[in-house]
Amino acid sequence: MNYFNHILALIQSFSIFGYLIIFFLAFFESFAFIGLIIPGSVAVIVGGFLVAQGTLDIGDLFFFATAGAILGDSFSFYMGKKGLITFKEENKIFKPSLLYKGEFFFKKYGDKSVFIGRFIGWVRPIVPFIAGVFNLDRKTFLLWNILSGIFWSASHIALGYFFGQAFQTLFKWSSRIGIYTGIIVVVFFLLYLFKLFVVKKRKLI
């Protein structure tokens, strides 16, 4: 829960720079292998929540989140093509075992893995790199990269916005039942985010 609250406070306190924070988190979450420990998805969901509160603009948020995601994948693709990463098993991030998993995923789904992988935590920052290693056609990669970036941003913003609207509705209830219900919803939502984006990533490193 502190994990979610920290990101929320960071973006909200510096609303002018909030879009840049989200851009860089989305970028580095898509960046080759490093993205396994970056909470970009959480940041975009928090951004959607803040849109519902009137703190951020939905159009600007969508632009910066999408741009960060697309550019992150593009850099990863380039690094794969140029072979700019050295893999050693003792390295906690650049492990050969992760490379093999990404290779299996790419061979299974082909060029569509660039789109599908965007929505699967552990392969998100790996597949673009693998696509570069296997010399996937640049135009094909760019197509799936842009489409996945758009859908990824839109879905995460929508999730955060929905939660923000629900939170506002519950908060307006004057009865104790409404307040307690709101607290329960918040707690379960934070636990869900923690499990989805923190626990799973820690298991990989």
N, C-alpha and C. Protein backbone atom coordinates (compact mmCIF):
# COMPACT_ATOMS: atom_id res chain seq x y z
N MET A 1 0.82 -1.21 0.00
CA MET A 1 0.00 0.00 0.00
C MET A 1 0.86 1.26 0.00
N ASN A 2 1.96 1.25 0.75
CA ASN A 2 2.86 2.39 0.77
C ASN A 2 3.43 2.64 -0.62
N TYR A 3 3.60 1.55 -1.38
CA TYR A 3 4.14 1.60 -2.74
C TYR A 3 3.23 2.46 -3.62
N PHE A 4 1.94 2.19 -3.57
CA PHE A 4 0.94 2.93 -4.35
C PHE A 4 0.86 4.37 -3.87
N ASN A 5 0.80 4.57 -2.56
CA ASN A 5 0.67 5.91 -1.99
C ASN A 5 1.86 6.79 -2.33
N HIS A 6 3.04 6.20 -2.38
CA HIS A 6 4.25 6.96 -2.69
C HIS A 6 4.19 7.51 -4.11
N ILE A 7 3.78 6.67 -5.06
CA ILE A 7 3.66 7.11 -6.45
C ILE A 7 2.57 8.16 -6.58
N LEU A 8 1.44 7.96 -5.89
CA LEU A 8 0.34 8.90 -5.92
C LEU A 8 0.78 10.27 -5.43
N ALA A 9 1.46 10.30 -4.28
CA ALA A 9 1.93 11.56 -3.70
C ALA A 9 2.96 12.24 -4.59
N LEU A 10 3.83 11.45 -5.18
CA LEU A 10 4.89 11.99 -6.03
C LEU A 10 4.31 12.71 -7.24
N ILE A 11 3.34 12.08 -7.89
CA ILE A 11 2.74 12.66 -9.08
C ILE A 11 1.84 13.84 -8.73
N GLN A 12 1.08 13.70 -7.65
CA GLN A 12 0.12 14.73 -7.28
C GLN A 12 0.81 15.99 -6.75
N SER A 13 1.88 15.82 -5.99
CA SER A 13 2.58 16.96 -5.40
C SER A 13 3.28 17.80 -6.45
N PHE A 14 3.71 17.16 -7.52
CA PHE A 14 4.40 17.86 -8.59
C PHE A 14 3.60 17.71 -9.88
N SER A 15 2.35 18.22 -9.86
CA SER A 15 1.45 17.99 -10.98
C SER A 15 2.02 18.50 -12.30
N ILE A 16 2.85 19.56 -12.23
CA ILE A 16 3.45 20.09 -13.45
C ILE A 16 4.37 19.05 -14.08
N PHE A 17 5.07 18.31 -13.22
CA PHE A 17 6.02 17.31 -13.71
C PHE A 17 5.42 15.90 -13.73
N GLY A 18 4.15 15.80 -13.34
CA GLY A 18 3.52 14.49 -13.26
C GLY A 18 3.56 13.73 -14.57
N TYR A 19 3.33 14.45 -15.67
CA TYR A 19 3.35 13.79 -16.98
C TYR A 19 4.73 13.26 -17.32
N LEU A 20 5.77 14.01 -16.95
CA LEU A 20 7.13 13.56 -17.22
C LEU A 20 7.49 12.35 -16.37
N ILE A 21 7.02 12.35 -15.13
CA ILE A 21 7.26 11.20 -14.25
C ILE A 21 6.65 9.94 -14.87
N ILE A 22 5.41 10.07 -15.32
CA ILE A 22 4.72 8.94 -15.94
C ILE A 22 5.40 8.53 -17.24
N PHE A 23 5.84 9.51 -18.02
CA PHE A 23 6.55 9.22 -19.27
C PHE A 23 7.78 8.36 -19.01
N PHE A 24 8.61 8.79 -18.07
CA PHE A 24 9.86 8.07 -17.81
C PHE A 24 9.63 6.70 -17.18
N LEU A 25 8.62 6.59 -16.32
CA LEU A 25 8.31 5.28 -15.73
C LEU A 25 7.79 4.32 -16.80
N ALA A 26 6.94 4.84 -17.70
CA ALA A 26 6.43 4.00 -18.80
C ALA A 26 7.58 3.62 -19.74
N PHE A 27 8.49 4.55 -19.95
CA PHE A 27 9.64 4.29 -20.82
C PHE A 27 10.53 3.20 -20.24
N PHE A 28 10.91 3.35 -18.98
CA PHE A 28 11.85 2.41 -18.39
C PHE A 28 11.21 1.06 -18.08
N GLU A 29 9.88 1.03 -17.90
CA GLU A 29 9.23 -0.27 -17.71
C GLU A 29 9.29 -1.07 -19.01
N SER A 30 9.33 -0.38 -20.14
CA SER A 30 9.42 -1.06 -21.44
C SER A 30 10.86 -1.28 -21.87
N PHE A 31 11.80 -0.74 -21.11
CA PHE A 31 13.21 -0.83 -21.46
C PHE A 31 13.75 -2.23 -21.18
N ALA A 32 14.62 -2.70 -22.04
CA ALA A 32 15.12 -4.07 -21.98
C ALA A 32 15.54 -4.52 -20.58
N PHE A 33 14.79 -5.47 -20.04
CA PHE A 33 15.08 -6.18 -18.80
C PHE A 33 15.00 -5.29 -17.55
N ILE A 34 15.47 -4.06 -17.63
CA ILE A 34 15.38 -3.16 -16.49
C ILE A 34 13.93 -2.96 -16.08
N GLY A 35 13.02 -3.04 -17.07
CA GLY A 35 11.60 -2.85 -16.82
C GLY A 35 11.00 -3.83 -15.83
N LEU A 36 11.71 -4.91 -15.55
CA LEU A 36 11.20 -5.90 -14.59
C LEU A 36 11.05 -5.31 -13.19
N ILE A 37 11.76 -4.22 -12.91
CA ILE A 37 11.70 -3.63 -11.56
C ILE A 37 11.15 -2.20 -11.57
N ILE A 38 10.58 -1.76 -12.70
CA ILE A 38 10.06 -0.40 -12.81
C ILE A 38 8.52 -0.42 -12.80
N PRO A 39 7.88 0.39 -11.93
CA PRO A 39 6.41 0.37 -11.79
C PRO A 39 5.68 1.28 -12.77
N GLY A 40 5.98 1.17 -14.05
CA GLY A 40 5.33 2.03 -15.03
C GLY A 40 3.83 1.84 -15.11
N SER A 41 3.38 0.60 -15.07
CA SER A 41 1.94 0.31 -15.14
C SER A 41 1.19 0.92 -13.97
N VAL A 42 1.80 0.81 -12.79
CA VAL A 42 1.18 1.40 -11.59
C VAL A 42 1.06 2.90 -11.75
N ALA A 43 2.10 3.53 -12.28
CA ALA A 43 2.10 4.99 -12.45
C ALA A 43 0.99 5.44 -13.39
N VAL A 44 0.76 4.69 -14.48
CA VAL A 44 -0.29 5.06 -15.43
C VAL A 44 -1.67 4.88 -14.80
N ILE A 45 -1.84 3.82 -14.01
CA ILE A 45 -3.11 3.61 -13.31
C ILE A 45 -3.34 4.74 -12.32
N VAL A 46 -2.30 5.13 -11.59
CA VAL A 46 -2.40 6.26 -10.66
C VAL A 46 -2.75 7.53 -11.43
N GLY A 47 -2.16 7.68 -12.62
CA GLY A 47 -2.48 8.84 -13.45
C GLY A 47 -3.96 8.87 -13.81
N GLY A 48 -4.53 7.71 -14.17
CA GLY A 48 -5.95 7.63 -14.46
C GLY A 48 -6.80 8.00 -13.26
N PHE A 49 -6.35 7.57 -12.09
CA PHE A 49 -7.03 7.93 -10.83
C PHE A 49 -7.03 9.44 -10.65
N LEU A 50 -5.90 10.09 -10.93
CA LEU A 50 -5.78 11.54 -10.76
C LEU A 50 -6.57 12.30 -11.82
N VAL A 51 -6.79 11.69 -12.98
CA VAL A 51 -7.66 12.30 -13.98
C VAL A 51 -9.07 12.42 -13.43
N ALA A 52 -9.52 11.35 -12.76
CA ALA A 52 -10.86 11.34 -12.16
C ALA A 52 -10.98 12.39 -11.06
N GLN A 53 -9.85 12.72 -10.42
CA GLN A 53 -9.85 13.73 -9.36
C GLN A 53 -9.69 15.14 -9.91
N GLY A 54 -9.44 15.24 -11.22
CA GLY A 54 -9.27 16.54 -11.84
C GLY A 54 -7.86 17.10 -11.75
N THR A 55 -6.90 16.28 -11.32
CA THR A 55 -5.52 16.74 -11.15
C THR A 55 -4.75 16.72 -12.47
N LEU A 56 -4.97 15.69 -13.28
CA LEU A 56 -4.28 15.56 -14.56
C LEU A 56 -5.29 15.59 -15.71
N ASP A 57 -4.81 15.96 -16.88
CA ASP A 57 -5.64 15.98 -18.09
C ASP A 57 -5.51 14.64 -18.81
N ILE A 58 -6.63 14.06 -19.19
CA ILE A 58 -6.61 12.72 -19.77
C ILE A 58 -5.88 12.67 -21.11
N GLY A 59 -6.02 13.73 -21.91
CA GLY A 59 -5.34 13.75 -23.20
C GLY A 59 -3.83 13.80 -23.06
N ASP A 60 -3.36 14.68 -22.17
CA ASP A 60 -1.92 14.79 -21.93
C ASP A 60 -1.36 13.51 -21.32
N LEU A 61 -2.10 12.95 -20.39
CA LEU A 61 -1.67 11.70 -19.75
C LEU A 61 -1.53 10.59 -20.78
N PHE A 62 -2.52 10.48 -21.64
CA PHE A 62 -2.50 9.44 -22.67
C PHE A 62 -1.30 9.62 -23.60
N PHE A 63 -1.03 10.85 -23.98
CA PHE A 63 0.09 11.13 -24.88
C PHE A 63 1.43 10.73 -24.26
N PHE A 64 1.67 11.18 -23.03
CA PHE A 64 2.96 10.92 -22.39
C PHE A 64 3.15 9.44 -22.04
N ALA A 65 2.08 8.79 -21.59
CA ALA A 65 2.17 7.37 -21.25
C ALA A 65 2.43 6.54 -22.50
N THR A 66 1.71 6.85 -23.57
CA THR A 66 1.87 6.11 -24.82
C THR A 66 3.25 6.34 -25.43
N ALA A 67 3.69 7.59 -25.43
CA ALA A 67 5.00 7.92 -25.98
C ALA A 67 6.11 7.21 -25.21
N GLY A 68 6.01 7.20 -23.89
CA GLY A 68 7.03 6.52 -23.08
C GLY A 68 7.09 5.04 -23.36
N ALA A 69 5.91 4.42 -23.47
CA ALA A 69 5.86 2.97 -23.72
C ALA A 69 6.42 2.62 -25.10
N ILE A 70 6.05 3.39 -26.11
CA ILE A 70 6.51 3.12 -27.47
C ILE A 70 8.01 3.34 -27.61
N LEU A 71 8.51 4.43 -27.04
CA LEU A 71 9.94 4.72 -27.13
C LEU A 71 10.77 3.70 -26.36
N GLY A 72 10.25 3.26 -25.21
CA GLY A 72 10.96 2.25 -24.43
C GLY A 72 11.14 0.95 -25.20
N ASP A 73 10.06 0.51 -25.84
CA ASP A 73 10.14 -0.70 -26.67
C ASP A 73 11.07 -0.50 -27.86
N SER A 74 11.04 0.70 -28.44
CA SER A 74 11.88 0.98 -29.60
C SER A 74 13.37 0.90 -29.25
N PHE A 75 13.73 1.46 -28.11
CA PHE A 75 15.13 1.39 -27.67
C PHE A 75 15.54 -0.05 -27.39
N SER A 76 14.63 -0.81 -26.79
CA SER A 76 14.92 -2.22 -26.50
C SER A 76 15.14 -3.00 -27.79
N PHE A 77 14.30 -2.72 -28.78
CA PHE A 77 14.42 -3.36 -30.09
C PHE A 77 15.78 -3.05 -30.72
N TYR A 78 16.18 -1.79 -30.65
CA TYR A 78 17.47 -1.37 -31.20
C TYR A 78 18.63 -2.06 -30.48
N MET A 79 18.53 -2.15 -29.16
CA MET A 79 19.59 -2.80 -28.38
C MET A 79 19.71 -4.27 -28.75
N GLY A 80 18.57 -4.91 -29.01
CA GLY A 80 18.59 -6.31 -29.43
C GLY A 80 19.25 -6.48 -30.78
N LYS A 81 18.95 -5.57 -31.71
CA LYS A 81 19.54 -5.64 -33.05
C LYS A 81 21.06 -5.46 -33.00
N LYS A 82 21.50 -4.58 -32.11
CA LYS A 82 22.93 -4.26 -32.05
C LYS A 82 23.69 -5.14 -31.06
N GLY A 83 22.96 -5.98 -30.31
CA GLY A 83 23.62 -6.85 -29.33
C GLY A 83 24.36 -6.08 -28.26
N LEU A 84 23.69 -5.09 -27.67
CA LEU A 84 24.34 -4.18 -26.72
C LEU A 84 24.32 -4.66 -25.27
N ILE A 85 23.75 -5.83 -25.00
CA ILE A 85 23.68 -6.33 -23.63
C ILE A 85 24.44 -7.65 -23.51
N THR A 86 25.25 -7.75 -22.46
CA THR A 86 25.97 -8.98 -22.17
C THR A 86 25.25 -9.72 -21.04
N PHE A 87 24.97 -10.99 -21.25
CA PHE A 87 24.21 -11.77 -20.27
C PHE A 87 25.12 -12.67 -19.44
N LYS A 88 24.94 -12.58 -18.12
CA LYS A 88 25.66 -13.44 -17.19
C LYS A 88 24.68 -13.91 -16.12
N GLU A 89 24.74 -15.19 -15.76
CA GLU A 89 23.78 -15.76 -14.82
C GLU A 89 23.85 -15.10 -13.45
N GLU A 90 25.04 -14.62 -13.07
CA GLU A 90 25.18 -13.99 -11.75
C GLU A 90 24.59 -12.58 -11.72
N ASN A 91 24.30 -12.03 -12.90
CA ASN A 91 23.68 -10.72 -12.97
C ASN A 91 22.19 -10.86 -12.67
N LYS A 92 21.67 -10.08 -11.72
CA LYS A 92 20.28 -10.23 -11.29
C LYS A 92 19.27 -9.77 -12.33
N ILE A 93 19.69 -8.92 -13.24
CA ILE A 93 18.77 -8.40 -14.25
C ILE A 93 18.99 -9.05 -15.61
N PHE A 94 20.23 -9.06 -16.08
CA PHE A 94 20.53 -9.61 -17.41
C PHE A 94 20.91 -11.08 -17.31
N LYS A 95 19.93 -11.90 -16.98
CA LYS A 95 20.16 -13.34 -16.84
C LYS A 95 19.87 -14.07 -18.15
N PRO A 96 20.70 -15.04 -18.53
CA PRO A 96 20.42 -15.84 -19.73
C PRO A 96 19.08 -16.55 -19.64
N SER A 97 18.67 -16.94 -18.43
CA SER A 97 17.40 -17.66 -18.26
C SER A 97 16.22 -16.80 -18.70
N LEU A 98 16.28 -15.50 -18.42
CA LEU A 98 15.22 -14.60 -18.86
C LEU A 98 15.23 -14.46 -20.38
N LEU A 99 16.41 -14.46 -20.94
CA LEU A 99 16.55 -14.37 -22.39
C LEU A 99 15.92 -15.59 -23.06
N TYR A 100 16.12 -16.77 -22.49
CA TYR A 100 15.56 -18.00 -23.05
C TYR A 100 14.03 -18.00 -22.97
N LYS A 101 13.51 -17.48 -21.85
CA LYS A 101 12.05 -17.41 -21.70
C LYS A 101 11.45 -16.47 -22.74
N GLY A 102 12.11 -15.33 -22.93
CA GLY A 102 11.64 -14.39 -23.93
C GLY A 102 11.72 -14.95 -25.34
N GLU A 103 12.76 -15.72 -25.61
CA GLU A 103 12.94 -16.35 -26.92
C GLU A 103 11.82 -17.36 -27.18
N PHE A 104 11.47 -18.14 -26.16
CA PHE A 104 10.40 -19.12 -26.29
C PHE A 104 9.07 -18.42 -26.59
N PHE A 105 8.81 -17.33 -25.88
CA PHE A 105 7.58 -16.57 -26.06
C PHE A 105 7.52 -15.99 -27.48
N PHE A 106 8.63 -15.46 -27.95
CA PHE A 106 8.66 -14.86 -29.28
C PHE A 106 8.45 -15.90 -30.37
N LYS A 107 9.07 -17.06 -30.22
CA LYS A 107 8.92 -18.12 -31.22
C LYS A 107 7.49 -18.66 -31.24
N LYS A 108 6.84 -18.62 -30.09
CA LYS A 108 5.47 -19.14 -29.99
C LYS A 108 4.46 -18.22 -30.67
N TYR A 109 4.61 -16.91 -30.48
CA TYR A 109 3.61 -15.96 -30.99
C TYR A 109 4.09 -15.13 -32.18
N GLY A 110 5.36 -15.24 -32.53
CA GLY A 110 5.87 -14.50 -33.68
C GLY A 110 5.82 -13.00 -33.48
N ASP A 111 5.57 -12.27 -34.58
CA ASP A 111 5.57 -10.80 -34.48
C ASP A 111 4.48 -10.27 -33.56
N LYS A 112 3.40 -11.04 -33.37
CA LYS A 112 2.32 -10.62 -32.48
C LYS A 112 2.75 -10.60 -31.02
N SER A 113 3.87 -11.24 -30.72
CA SER A 113 4.36 -11.26 -29.34
C SER A 113 4.68 -9.85 -28.86
N VAL A 114 4.99 -8.94 -29.78
CA VAL A 114 5.28 -7.55 -29.41
C VAL A 114 4.03 -6.91 -28.81
N PHE A 115 2.87 -7.24 -29.39
CA PHE A 115 1.60 -6.71 -28.87
C PHE A 115 1.18 -7.45 -27.60
N ILE A 116 1.17 -8.77 -27.67
CA ILE A 116 0.71 -9.58 -26.53
C ILE A 116 1.60 -9.36 -25.31
N GLY A 117 2.91 -9.34 -25.54
CA GLY A 117 3.84 -9.21 -24.44
C GLY A 117 3.71 -7.93 -23.66
N ARG A 118 3.18 -6.88 -24.29
CA ARG A 118 3.00 -5.60 -23.61
C ARG A 118 2.12 -5.74 -22.37
N PHE A 119 1.22 -6.71 -22.39
CA PHE A 119 0.25 -6.85 -21.30
C PHE A 119 0.61 -7.97 -20.32
N ILE A 120 1.79 -8.55 -20.49
CA ILE A 120 2.23 -9.61 -19.58
C ILE A 120 3.50 -9.14 -18.89
N GLY A 121 3.40 -8.92 -17.58
CA GLY A 121 4.47 -8.29 -16.82
C GLY A 121 5.88 -8.76 -17.07
N TRP A 122 6.11 -10.06 -16.97
CA TRP A 122 7.49 -10.55 -17.02
C TRP A 122 8.11 -10.52 -18.41
N VAL A 123 7.29 -10.49 -19.46
CA VAL A 123 7.86 -10.46 -20.81
C VAL A 123 7.84 -9.06 -21.44
N ARG A 124 7.14 -8.13 -20.81
CA ARG A 124 6.99 -6.79 -21.40
C ARG A 124 8.33 -6.16 -21.80
N PRO A 125 9.33 -6.15 -20.92
CA PRO A 125 10.59 -5.51 -21.31
C PRO A 125 11.58 -6.45 -22.02
N ILE A 126 11.15 -7.69 -22.25
CA ILE A 126 12.06 -8.67 -22.85
C ILE A 126 11.78 -8.88 -24.34
N VAL A 127 10.50 -8.98 -24.70
CA VAL A 127 10.12 -9.31 -26.07
C VAL A 127 10.66 -8.33 -27.12
N PRO A 128 10.57 -7.01 -26.91
CA PRO A 128 11.12 -6.10 -27.93
C PRO A 128 12.61 -6.35 -28.19
N PHE A 129 13.34 -6.65 -27.13
CA PHE A 129 14.77 -6.95 -27.27
C PHE A 129 14.96 -8.22 -28.10
N ILE A 130 14.18 -9.25 -27.79
CA ILE A 130 14.27 -10.51 -28.53
C ILE A 130 13.89 -10.30 -29.99
N ALA A 131 12.87 -9.46 -30.23
CA ALA A 131 12.46 -9.16 -31.61
C ALA A 131 13.62 -8.55 -32.39
N GLY A 132 14.40 -7.72 -31.71
CA GLY A 132 15.58 -7.14 -32.35
C GLY A 132 16.65 -8.17 -32.61
N VAL A 133 16.87 -9.06 -31.66
CA VAL A 133 17.86 -10.13 -31.82
C VAL A 133 17.53 -11.00 -33.03
N PHE A 134 16.24 -11.28 -33.22
CA PHE A 134 15.81 -12.14 -34.32
C PHE A 134 15.52 -11.35 -35.60
N ASN A 135 15.92 -10.08 -35.60
CA ASN A 135 15.80 -9.23 -36.80
C ASN A 135 14.39 -9.16 -37.36
N LEU A 136 13.42 -8.97 -36.48
CA LEU A 136 12.05 -8.74 -36.93
C LEU A 136 12.03 -7.48 -37.80
N ASP A 137 11.27 -7.52 -38.88
CA ASP A 137 11.16 -6.37 -39.77
C ASP A 137 10.78 -5.12 -38.98
N ARG A 138 11.47 -4.03 -39.22
CA ARG A 138 11.27 -2.81 -38.43
C ARG A 138 9.85 -2.25 -38.56
N LYS A 139 9.31 -2.27 -39.77
CA LYS A 139 7.96 -1.75 -39.97
C LYS A 139 6.93 -2.61 -39.23
N THR A 140 7.14 -3.91 -39.26
CA THR A 140 6.24 -4.82 -38.55
C THR A 140 6.33 -4.58 -37.05
N PHE A 141 7.55 -4.44 -36.56
CA PHE A 141 7.73 -4.16 -35.13
C PHE A 141 7.08 -2.84 -34.76
N LEU A 142 7.28 -1.82 -35.57
CA LEU A 142 6.73 -0.50 -35.27
C LEU A 142 5.21 -0.53 -35.22
N LEU A 143 4.59 -1.28 -36.13
CA LEU A 143 3.13 -1.40 -36.15
C LEU A 143 2.62 -1.98 -34.84
N TRP A 144 3.16 -3.14 -34.43
CA TRP A 144 2.71 -3.79 -33.21
C TRP A 144 3.10 -2.97 -31.97
N ASN A 145 4.22 -2.30 -32.04
CA ASN A 145 4.67 -1.47 -30.93
C ASN A 145 3.71 -0.31 -30.69
N ILE A 146 3.33 0.39 -31.76
CA ILE A 146 2.41 1.53 -31.63
C ILE A 146 1.03 1.07 -31.16
N LEU A 147 0.51 0.01 -31.79
CA LEU A 147 -0.81 -0.48 -31.40
C LEU A 147 -0.84 -0.92 -29.94
N SER A 148 0.18 -1.64 -29.52
CA SER A 148 0.20 -2.12 -28.14
C SER A 148 0.37 -0.97 -27.16
N GLY A 149 1.18 0.03 -27.54
CA GLY A 149 1.36 1.19 -26.68
C GLY A 149 0.07 1.95 -26.46
N ILE A 150 -0.71 2.10 -27.54
CA ILE A 150 -1.99 2.80 -27.45
C ILE A 150 -2.97 2.04 -26.57
N PHE A 151 -3.12 0.74 -26.81
CA PHE A 151 -4.06 -0.06 -26.03
C PHE A 151 -3.62 -0.19 -24.58
N TRP A 152 -2.33 -0.32 -24.36
CA TRP A 152 -1.79 -0.44 -23.00
C TRP A 152 -2.09 0.81 -22.19
N SER A 153 -1.81 1.97 -22.77
CA SER A 153 -2.05 3.23 -22.07
C SER A 153 -3.54 3.44 -21.81
N ALA A 154 -4.35 3.22 -22.84
CA ALA A 154 -5.79 3.44 -22.71
C ALA A 154 -6.40 2.54 -21.64
N SER A 155 -6.02 1.27 -21.62
CA SER A 155 -6.60 0.33 -20.66
C SER A 155 -6.19 0.64 -19.22
N HIS A 156 -4.94 1.04 -19.02
CA HIS A 156 -4.48 1.34 -17.67
C HIS A 156 -5.04 2.67 -17.17
N ILE A 157 -5.16 3.64 -18.06
CA ILE A 157 -5.78 4.91 -17.68
C ILE A 157 -7.24 4.69 -17.33
N ALA A 158 -7.93 3.88 -18.14
CA ALA A 158 -9.34 3.59 -17.89
C ALA A 158 -9.54 2.90 -16.55
N LEU A 159 -8.64 1.97 -16.22
CA LEU A 159 -8.73 1.27 -14.93
C LEU A 159 -8.59 2.25 -13.77
N GLY A 160 -7.59 3.11 -13.86
CA GLY A 160 -7.38 4.10 -12.81
C GLY A 160 -8.53 5.09 -12.72
N TYR A 161 -9.05 5.50 -13.89
CA TYR A 161 -10.16 6.45 -13.92
C TYR A 161 -11.42 5.85 -13.30
N PHE A 162 -11.69 4.60 -13.65
CA PHE A 162 -12.86 3.91 -13.09
C PHE A 162 -12.77 3.83 -11.57
N PHE A 163 -11.59 3.47 -11.09
CA PHE A 163 -11.39 3.39 -9.65
C PHE A 163 -11.55 4.77 -9.00
N GLY A 164 -11.02 5.80 -9.67
CA GLY A 164 -11.14 7.16 -9.13
C GLY A 164 -12.58 7.62 -9.05
N GLN A 165 -13.37 7.30 -10.07
CA GLN A 165 -14.79 7.66 -10.06
C GLN A 165 -15.54 6.91 -8.98
N ALA A 166 -15.23 5.62 -8.85
CA ALA A 166 -15.88 4.80 -7.81
C ALA A 166 -15.51 5.31 -6.43
N PHE A 167 -14.26 5.70 -6.27
CA PHE A 167 -13.80 6.23 -4.98
C PHE A 167 -14.53 7.51 -4.63
N GLN A 168 -14.72 8.39 -5.60
CA GLN A 168 -15.43 9.64 -5.36
C GLN A 168 -16.88 9.38 -4.96
N THR A 169 -17.51 8.44 -5.65
CA THR A 169 -18.91 8.12 -5.35
C THR A 169 -19.05 7.57 -3.93
N LEU A 170 -18.17 6.65 -3.58
CA LEU A 170 -18.22 6.07 -2.24
C LEU A 170 -17.92 7.10 -1.17
N PHE A 171 -17.01 8.00 -1.48
CA PHE A 171 -16.61 9.01 -0.49
C PHE A 171 -17.73 10.00 -0.20
N LYS A 172 -18.61 10.20 -1.18
CA LYS A 172 -19.71 11.15 -1.01
C LYS A 172 -20.82 10.59 -0.12
N TRP A 173 -20.84 9.29 0.05
CA TRP A 173 -21.86 8.71 0.91
C TRP A 173 -21.65 9.20 2.34
N SER A 174 -22.72 9.58 2.97
CA SER A 174 -22.59 10.15 4.31
C SER A 174 -22.64 9.09 5.41
N SER A 175 -23.16 7.92 5.11
CA SER A 175 -23.30 6.90 6.15
C SER A 175 -21.97 6.23 6.44
N ARG A 176 -21.85 5.65 7.63
CA ARG A 176 -20.63 4.93 8.00
C ARG A 176 -20.40 3.72 7.10
N ILE A 177 -21.50 3.11 6.68
CA ILE A 177 -21.37 1.94 5.80
C ILE A 177 -20.66 2.33 4.51
N GLY A 178 -21.03 3.49 3.99
CA GLY A 178 -20.39 3.96 2.77
C GLY A 178 -18.91 4.21 2.96
N ILE A 179 -18.54 4.82 4.08
CA ILE A 179 -17.14 5.10 4.37
C ILE A 179 -16.35 3.81 4.52
N TYR A 180 -16.90 2.88 5.30
CA TYR A 180 -16.22 1.60 5.51
C TYR A 180 -16.07 0.83 4.20
N THR A 181 -17.13 0.89 3.38
CA THR A 181 -17.07 0.21 2.09
C THR A 181 -15.97 0.80 1.21
N GLY A 182 -15.88 2.12 1.22
CA GLY A 182 -14.84 2.79 0.45
C GLY A 182 -13.46 2.39 0.90
N ILE A 183 -13.26 2.31 2.21
CA ILE A 183 -11.96 1.91 2.76
C ILE A 183 -11.61 0.49 2.32
N ILE A 184 -12.59 -0.40 2.39
CA ILE A 184 -12.36 -1.80 1.99
C ILE A 184 -11.99 -1.89 0.51
N VAL A 185 -12.70 -1.13 -0.33
CA VAL A 185 -12.41 -1.13 -1.77
C VAL A 185 -10.99 -0.64 -2.02
N VAL A 186 -10.60 0.43 -1.34
CA VAL A 186 -9.25 0.98 -1.51
C VAL A 186 -8.19 -0.03 -1.10
N VAL A 187 -8.39 -0.66 0.06
CA VAL A 187 -7.42 -1.63 0.57
C VAL A 187 -7.24 -2.79 -0.40
N PHE A 188 -8.35 -3.34 -0.88
CA PHE A 188 -8.27 -4.47 -1.81
C PHE A 188 -7.63 -4.07 -3.13
N PHE A 189 -7.92 -2.86 -3.59
CA PHE A 189 -7.33 -2.38 -4.83
C PHE A 189 -5.82 -2.23 -4.69
N LEU A 190 -5.37 -1.69 -3.57
CA LEU A 190 -3.94 -1.51 -3.34
C LEU A 190 -3.23 -2.85 -3.20
N LEU A 191 -3.87 -3.78 -2.53
CA LEU A 191 -3.28 -5.12 -2.40
C LEU A 191 -3.17 -5.80 -3.75
N TYR A 192 -4.17 -5.59 -4.59
CA TYR A 192 -4.15 -6.16 -5.94
C TYR A 192 -2.98 -5.60 -6.74
N LEU A 193 -2.80 -4.28 -6.69
CA LEU A 193 -1.69 -3.66 -7.40
C LEU A 193 -0.36 -4.15 -6.87
N PHE A 194 -0.26 -4.26 -5.56
CA PHE A 194 1.00 -4.70 -4.95
C PHE A 194 1.36 -6.10 -5.41
N LYS A 195 0.37 -6.98 -5.42
CA LYS A 195 0.61 -8.37 -5.84
C LYS A 195 0.94 -8.44 -7.33
N LEU A 196 0.23 -7.62 -8.13
CA LEU A 196 0.37 -7.70 -9.58
C LEU A 196 1.69 -7.13 -10.07
N PHE A 197 2.12 -6.03 -9.48
CA PHE A 197 3.26 -5.32 -10.04
C PHE A 197 4.53 -5.36 -9.19
N VAL A 198 4.42 -5.78 -7.94
CA VAL A 198 5.60 -5.80 -7.09
C VAL A 198 6.05 -7.22 -6.79
N VAL A 199 5.15 -8.02 -6.24
CA VAL A 199 5.50 -9.38 -5.84
C VAL A 199 5.96 -10.20 -7.03
N LYS A 200 5.23 -10.13 -8.16
CA LYS A 200 5.59 -10.93 -9.33
C LYS A 200 6.94 -10.52 -9.89
N LYS A 201 7.23 -9.22 -9.87
CA LYS A 201 8.50 -8.77 -10.41
C LYS A 201 9.65 -9.17 -9.51
N ARG A 202 9.43 -9.14 -8.20
CA ARG A 202 10.49 -9.52 -7.28
C ARG A 202 10.85 -11.00 -7.41
N LYS A 203 9.90 -11.81 -7.80
CA LYS A 203 10.16 -13.24 -7.96
C LYS A 203 11.09 -13.50 -9.15
N LEU A 204 11.14 -12.53 -10.06
CA LEU A 204 11.94 -12.72 -11.27
C LEU A 204 13.39 -12.30 -11.10
N ILE A 205 13.70 -11.59 -9.99
CA ILE A 205 15.06 -11.09 -9.82
C ILE A 205 15.72 -11.65 -8.59
